[in-house]
Amino acid sequence: MTVATAAGPVLSIAMGLAALVEPVRFGAQVGLVADGPLGRSELRAVFGGVFVGLGLACLLSGARGAWLAGAGVFAGGVAAKLGSAAVERGVLPAAALGLAVDVVLCAVFLFGAPAA
């Protein structure tokens, strides 16, 4: 496995760990407020557990399909943010950083996927 191949999963794990350790700060970065235990738990689960699990699935399995699933997850984020921007006023430019992160991670997972 090369550095380029591992970049997507490692970045996903790093983001997930940030959400697990600091869910309130992570949530604030994306405009979410977690003022109670349930909100913090959901931030940890969705942004923490899912991102860590996705990255680990790639690294532990080595399966091309895991990387493609990672690309799909972040492509879905791109599509949802663009769709939301078309419906909601004020999403962009506020969501531009998150959109850029999703685009980059989608590409990193897609182009880092092991050969078939």
N, C-alpha and C. Protein backbone atom coordinates (compact mmCIF):
# COMPACT_ATOMS: atom_id res chain seq x y z
N MET A 1 0.86 -1.17 0.00
CA MET A 1 0.00 0.00 0.00
C MET A 1 0.90 1.23 0.00
N THR A 2 0.56 2.18 -0.86
CA THR A 2 1.35 3.40 -0.96
C THR A 2 0.74 4.51 -0.11
N VAL A 3 1.48 5.59 0.05
CA VAL A 3 0.98 6.75 0.79
C VAL A 3 -0.26 7.29 0.08
N ALA A 4 -0.22 7.35 -1.24
CA ALA A 4 -1.37 7.85 -1.99
C ALA A 4 -2.60 6.97 -1.80
N THR A 5 -2.40 5.67 -1.75
CA THR A 5 -3.51 4.75 -1.56
C THR A 5 -4.11 4.90 -0.17
N ALA A 6 -3.27 5.09 0.82
CA ALA A 6 -3.74 5.18 2.21
C ALA A 6 -4.29 6.55 2.58
N ALA A 7 -4.07 7.56 1.74
CA ALA A 7 -4.42 8.93 2.12
C ALA A 7 -5.91 9.10 2.45
N GLY A 8 -6.79 8.57 1.62
CA GLY A 8 -8.23 8.72 1.87
C GLY A 8 -8.65 8.10 3.19
N PRO A 9 -8.33 6.83 3.41
CA PRO A 9 -8.70 6.22 4.68
C PRO A 9 -8.08 6.92 5.89
N VAL A 10 -6.82 7.31 5.79
CA VAL A 10 -6.15 7.98 6.91
C VAL A 10 -6.81 9.33 7.20
N LEU A 11 -7.14 10.10 6.16
CA LEU A 11 -7.82 11.38 6.38
C LEU A 11 -9.21 11.17 6.97
N SER A 12 -9.90 10.15 6.51
CA SER A 12 -11.21 9.84 7.06
C SER A 12 -11.12 9.49 8.54
N ILE A 13 -10.13 8.68 8.89
CA ILE A 13 -9.93 8.30 10.30
C ILE A 13 -9.58 9.54 11.13
N ALA A 14 -8.72 10.40 10.61
CA ALA A 14 -8.33 11.61 11.35
C ALA A 14 -9.54 12.51 11.61
N MET A 15 -10.38 12.70 10.59
CA MET A 15 -11.59 13.50 10.80
C MET A 15 -12.51 12.84 11.81
N GLY A 16 -12.63 11.53 11.71
CA GLY A 16 -13.48 10.81 12.65
C GLY A 16 -12.99 10.92 14.07
N LEU A 17 -11.69 10.80 14.25
CA LEU A 17 -11.13 10.93 15.61
C LEU A 17 -11.37 12.32 16.17
N ALA A 18 -11.25 13.34 15.31
CA ALA A 18 -11.52 14.71 15.76
C ALA A 18 -12.96 14.83 16.26
N ALA A 19 -13.89 14.22 15.54
CA ALA A 19 -15.30 14.27 15.95
C ALA A 19 -15.55 13.46 17.21
N LEU A 20 -14.84 12.35 17.36
CA LEU A 20 -15.01 11.54 18.57
C LEU A 20 -14.50 12.27 19.81
N VAL A 21 -13.37 12.94 19.67
CA VAL A 21 -12.73 13.60 20.82
C VAL A 21 -13.37 14.94 21.13
N GLU A 22 -13.71 15.71 20.10
CA GLU A 22 -14.26 17.06 20.28
C GLU A 22 -15.55 17.24 19.47
N PRO A 23 -16.62 16.54 19.85
CA PRO A 23 -17.83 16.60 19.03
C PRO A 23 -18.45 17.99 18.96
N VAL A 24 -18.38 18.76 20.03
CA VAL A 24 -18.97 20.10 20.02
C VAL A 24 -18.20 21.01 19.08
N ARG A 25 -16.89 20.97 19.15
CA ARG A 25 -16.05 21.80 18.27
C ARG A 25 -16.22 21.35 16.81
N PHE A 26 -16.23 20.05 16.59
CA PHE A 26 -16.40 19.53 15.23
C PHE A 26 -17.76 19.96 14.68
N GLY A 27 -18.79 19.81 15.48
CA GLY A 27 -20.13 20.21 15.06
C GLY A 27 -20.22 21.68 14.73
N ALA A 28 -19.58 22.51 15.54
CA ALA A 28 -19.59 23.96 15.29
C ALA A 28 -18.97 24.29 13.95
N GLN A 29 -17.98 23.51 13.52
CA GLN A 29 -17.33 23.75 12.23
C GLN A 29 -18.28 23.53 11.06
N VAL A 30 -19.29 22.73 11.27
CA VAL A 30 -20.26 22.46 10.20
C VAL A 30 -21.64 23.02 10.52
N GLY A 31 -21.70 23.94 11.50
CA GLY A 31 -22.95 24.62 11.80
C GLY A 31 -23.93 23.84 12.64
N LEU A 32 -23.46 22.81 13.34
CA LEU A 32 -24.34 22.02 14.20
C LEU A 32 -24.08 22.35 15.66
N VAL A 33 -25.14 22.40 16.45
CA VAL A 33 -25.02 22.67 17.86
C VAL A 33 -25.44 21.41 18.62
N ALA A 34 -24.55 20.96 19.49
CA ALA A 34 -24.85 19.79 20.31
C ALA A 34 -24.82 20.23 21.76
N ASP A 35 -25.96 20.66 22.27
CA ASP A 35 -25.99 21.19 23.63
C ASP A 35 -26.43 20.17 24.67
N GLY A 36 -26.50 18.92 24.28
CA GLY A 36 -26.88 17.88 25.23
C GLY A 36 -26.16 16.58 24.90
N PRO A 37 -26.28 15.60 25.79
CA PRO A 37 -25.60 14.32 25.59
C PRO A 37 -26.02 13.60 24.31
N LEU A 38 -27.30 13.65 23.95
CA LEU A 38 -27.75 12.96 22.75
C LEU A 38 -27.13 13.59 21.50
N GLY A 39 -27.09 14.91 21.43
CA GLY A 39 -26.49 15.58 20.29
C GLY A 39 -25.01 15.26 20.16
N ARG A 40 -24.29 15.28 21.28
CA ARG A 40 -22.87 14.94 21.25
C ARG A 40 -22.67 13.49 20.84
N SER A 41 -23.53 12.62 21.31
CA SER A 41 -23.45 11.20 20.95
C SER A 41 -23.67 11.02 19.44
N GLU A 42 -24.64 11.71 18.88
CA GLU A 42 -24.90 11.60 17.44
C GLU A 42 -23.74 12.15 16.61
N LEU A 43 -23.16 13.26 17.04
CA LEU A 43 -21.99 13.79 16.33
C LEU A 43 -20.84 12.79 16.38
N ARG A 44 -20.64 12.20 17.55
CA ARG A 44 -19.58 11.19 17.66
C ARG A 44 -19.87 10.00 16.75
N ALA A 45 -21.12 9.58 16.71
CA ALA A 45 -21.48 8.40 15.91
C ALA A 45 -21.39 8.67 14.41
N VAL A 46 -22.04 9.74 13.96
CA VAL A 46 -22.13 10.00 12.52
C VAL A 46 -20.81 10.49 11.94
N PHE A 47 -20.22 11.50 12.58
CA PHE A 47 -18.97 12.05 12.04
C PHE A 47 -17.74 11.33 12.57
N GLY A 48 -17.86 10.73 13.74
CA GLY A 48 -16.73 10.02 14.32
C GLY A 48 -16.70 8.57 13.92
N GLY A 49 -17.66 7.82 14.41
CA GLY A 49 -17.68 6.39 14.19
C GLY A 49 -17.75 5.99 12.72
N VAL A 50 -18.58 6.68 11.95
CA VAL A 50 -18.73 6.33 10.54
C VAL A 50 -17.43 6.59 9.79
N PHE A 51 -16.80 7.75 10.02
CA PHE A 51 -15.56 8.08 9.29
C PHE A 51 -14.41 7.16 9.72
N VAL A 52 -14.32 6.87 11.01
CA VAL A 52 -13.28 5.94 11.46
C VAL A 52 -13.54 4.55 10.89
N GLY A 53 -14.78 4.10 10.96
CA GLY A 53 -15.12 2.78 10.43
C GLY A 53 -14.86 2.66 8.95
N LEU A 54 -15.16 3.70 8.20
CA LEU A 54 -14.91 3.69 6.76
C LEU A 54 -13.42 3.57 6.46
N GLY A 55 -12.63 4.39 7.14
CA GLY A 55 -11.18 4.33 6.93
C GLY A 55 -10.59 3.00 7.33
N LEU A 56 -11.03 2.46 8.47
CA LEU A 56 -10.50 1.18 8.91
C LEU A 56 -10.92 0.04 7.99
N ALA A 57 -12.14 0.10 7.46
CA ALA A 57 -12.59 -0.94 6.53
C ALA A 57 -11.68 -0.99 5.32
N CYS A 58 -11.26 0.17 4.84
CA CYS A 58 -10.35 0.21 3.69
C CYS A 58 -8.99 -0.38 4.06
N LEU A 59 -8.43 0.13 5.15
CA LEU A 59 -7.08 -0.28 5.53
C LEU A 59 -6.99 -1.74 5.93
N LEU A 60 -7.99 -2.24 6.63
CA LEU A 60 -7.95 -3.62 7.11
C LEU A 60 -8.32 -4.63 6.04
N SER A 61 -9.22 -4.25 5.15
CA SER A 61 -9.64 -5.21 4.12
C SER A 61 -8.76 -5.14 2.87
N GLY A 62 -8.28 -3.95 2.57
CA GLY A 62 -7.51 -3.77 1.34
C GLY A 62 -8.35 -3.94 0.08
N ALA A 63 -9.65 -4.03 0.24
CA ALA A 63 -10.54 -4.30 -0.89
C ALA A 63 -10.85 -3.02 -1.68
N ARG A 64 -10.72 -3.11 -2.98
CA ARG A 64 -11.03 -1.98 -3.86
C ARG A 64 -12.44 -1.45 -3.59
N GLY A 65 -13.38 -2.35 -3.35
CA GLY A 65 -14.75 -1.95 -3.10
C GLY A 65 -14.89 -1.04 -1.89
N ALA A 66 -14.04 -1.22 -0.89
CA ALA A 66 -14.10 -0.36 0.29
C ALA A 66 -13.72 1.07 -0.09
N TRP A 67 -12.69 1.22 -0.91
CA TRP A 67 -12.28 2.56 -1.36
C TRP A 67 -13.38 3.19 -2.21
N LEU A 68 -13.99 2.39 -3.07
CA LEU A 68 -15.06 2.92 -3.92
C LEU A 68 -16.26 3.32 -3.07
N ALA A 69 -16.53 2.57 -2.01
CA ALA A 69 -17.60 2.97 -1.09
C ALA A 69 -17.24 4.29 -0.41
N GLY A 70 -15.97 4.45 -0.04
CA GLY A 70 -15.53 5.73 0.54
C GLY A 70 -15.74 6.87 -0.43
N ALA A 71 -15.37 6.66 -1.68
CA ALA A 71 -15.60 7.69 -2.70
C ALA A 71 -17.09 7.99 -2.82
N GLY A 72 -17.91 6.94 -2.75
CA GLY A 72 -19.35 7.13 -2.83
C GLY A 72 -19.91 7.92 -1.67
N VAL A 73 -19.39 7.66 -0.48
CA VAL A 73 -19.84 8.40 0.70
C VAL A 73 -19.60 9.89 0.52
N PHE A 74 -18.38 10.24 0.10
CA PHE A 74 -18.06 11.66 -0.03
C PHE A 74 -18.69 12.27 -1.28
N ALA A 75 -18.91 11.48 -2.34
CA ALA A 75 -19.64 11.98 -3.50
C ALA A 75 -21.09 12.29 -3.12
N GLY A 76 -21.65 11.43 -2.26
CA GLY A 76 -22.99 11.70 -1.75
C GLY A 76 -23.04 12.99 -0.97
N GLY A 77 -22.00 13.27 -0.19
CA GLY A 77 -21.92 14.53 0.54
C GLY A 77 -21.88 15.72 -0.41
N VAL A 78 -21.11 15.59 -1.48
CA VAL A 78 -21.03 16.65 -2.49
C VAL A 78 -22.41 16.89 -3.09
N ALA A 79 -23.06 15.83 -3.52
CA ALA A 79 -24.38 15.95 -4.14
C ALA A 79 -25.39 16.56 -3.19
N ALA A 80 -25.37 16.13 -1.94
CA ALA A 80 -26.32 16.66 -0.96
C ALA A 80 -26.07 18.14 -0.68
N LYS A 81 -24.81 18.53 -0.58
CA LYS A 81 -24.50 19.94 -0.33
C LYS A 81 -24.88 20.81 -1.51
N LEU A 82 -24.63 20.33 -2.73
CA LEU A 82 -25.02 21.11 -3.91
C LEU A 82 -26.54 21.18 -4.03
N GLY A 83 -27.22 20.07 -3.75
CA GLY A 83 -28.68 20.08 -3.76
C GLY A 83 -29.24 21.01 -2.71
N SER A 84 -28.65 20.97 -1.53
CA SER A 84 -29.09 21.86 -0.46
C SER A 84 -28.87 23.32 -0.83
N ALA A 85 -27.75 23.60 -1.47
CA ALA A 85 -27.46 24.98 -1.88
C ALA A 85 -28.48 25.47 -2.90
N ALA A 86 -29.01 24.55 -3.71
CA ALA A 86 -30.02 24.94 -4.69
C ALA A 86 -31.37 25.23 -4.03
N VAL A 87 -31.60 24.62 -2.86
CA VAL A 87 -32.89 24.77 -2.17
C VAL A 87 -32.83 25.81 -1.05
N GLU A 88 -31.74 25.82 -0.31
CA GLU A 88 -31.60 26.68 0.86
C GLU A 88 -30.78 27.93 0.52
N ARG A 89 -31.24 29.05 0.97
CA ARG A 89 -30.45 30.27 0.80
C ARG A 89 -29.38 30.32 1.88
N GLY A 90 -28.21 30.80 1.52
CA GLY A 90 -27.15 31.00 2.49
C GLY A 90 -26.27 29.80 2.77
N VAL A 91 -26.52 28.67 2.11
CA VAL A 91 -25.67 27.49 2.34
C VAL A 91 -24.27 27.76 1.80
N LEU A 92 -24.22 28.31 0.60
CA LEU A 92 -22.94 28.72 0.05
C LEU A 92 -22.85 30.24 0.16
N PRO A 93 -21.76 30.80 0.52
CA PRO A 93 -20.44 30.21 0.62
C PRO A 93 -20.13 29.56 1.97
N ALA A 94 -21.06 29.57 2.92
CA ALA A 94 -20.78 29.02 4.26
C ALA A 94 -20.34 27.56 4.20
N ALA A 95 -20.90 26.78 3.31
CA ALA A 95 -20.57 25.35 3.23
C ALA A 95 -19.45 25.06 2.24
N ALA A 96 -18.81 26.09 1.73
CA ALA A 96 -17.79 25.89 0.70
C ALA A 96 -16.62 25.04 1.20
N LEU A 97 -16.17 25.25 2.42
CA LEU A 97 -15.06 24.46 2.94
C LEU A 97 -15.44 22.99 3.05
N GLY A 98 -16.60 22.72 3.61
CA GLY A 98 -17.06 21.34 3.72
C GLY A 98 -17.26 20.70 2.37
N LEU A 99 -17.76 21.47 1.41
CA LEU A 99 -17.92 20.97 0.05
C LEU A 99 -16.56 20.62 -0.56
N ALA A 100 -15.60 21.50 -0.35
CA ALA A 100 -14.25 21.24 -0.87
C ALA A 100 -13.64 19.99 -0.24
N VAL A 101 -13.83 19.83 1.06
CA VAL A 101 -13.30 18.63 1.75
C VAL A 101 -13.93 17.38 1.15
N ASP A 102 -15.24 17.40 0.93
CA ASP A 102 -15.92 16.24 0.35
C ASP A 102 -15.42 15.94 -1.07
N VAL A 103 -15.22 16.98 -1.87
CA VAL A 103 -14.72 16.78 -3.24
C VAL A 103 -13.33 16.15 -3.20
N VAL A 104 -12.46 16.71 -2.36
CA VAL A 104 -11.09 16.20 -2.27
C VAL A 104 -11.08 14.76 -1.77
N LEU A 105 -11.82 14.48 -0.71
CA LEU A 105 -11.83 13.11 -0.18
C LEU A 105 -12.44 12.12 -1.16
N CYS A 106 -13.46 12.53 -1.89
CA CYS A 106 -14.02 11.66 -2.92
C CYS A 106 -12.94 11.31 -3.94
N ALA A 107 -12.22 12.31 -4.39
CA ALA A 107 -11.16 12.09 -5.38
C ALA A 107 -10.03 11.24 -4.82
N VAL A 108 -9.64 11.50 -3.57
CA VAL A 108 -8.54 10.76 -2.96
C VAL A 108 -8.92 9.28 -2.81
N PHE A 109 -10.14 9.02 -2.37
CA PHE A 109 -10.58 7.62 -2.27
C PHE A 109 -10.66 6.99 -3.66
N LEU A 110 -11.22 7.70 -4.61
CA LEU A 110 -11.41 7.14 -5.96
C LEU A 110 -10.08 6.82 -6.63
N PHE A 111 -9.17 7.79 -6.62
CA PHE A 111 -7.91 7.59 -7.32
C PHE A 111 -6.89 6.80 -6.50
N GLY A 112 -7.15 6.66 -5.20
CA GLY A 112 -6.26 5.86 -4.37
C GLY A 112 -6.68 4.41 -4.28
N ALA A 113 -7.83 4.07 -4.87
CA ALA A 113 -8.33 2.70 -4.77
C ALA A 113 -7.34 1.73 -5.41
N PRO A 114 -7.12 0.61 -4.74
CA PRO A 114 -6.23 -0.41 -5.33
C PRO A 114 -6.76 -0.87 -6.69
N ALA A 115 -5.86 -1.29 -7.54
CA ALA A 115 -6.24 -1.77 -8.87
C ALA A 115 -7.14 -2.99 -8.77
N ALA A 116 -8.00 -3.10 -9.72
CA ALA A 116 -8.95 -4.23 -9.76
C ALA A 116 -8.24 -5.53 -10.07
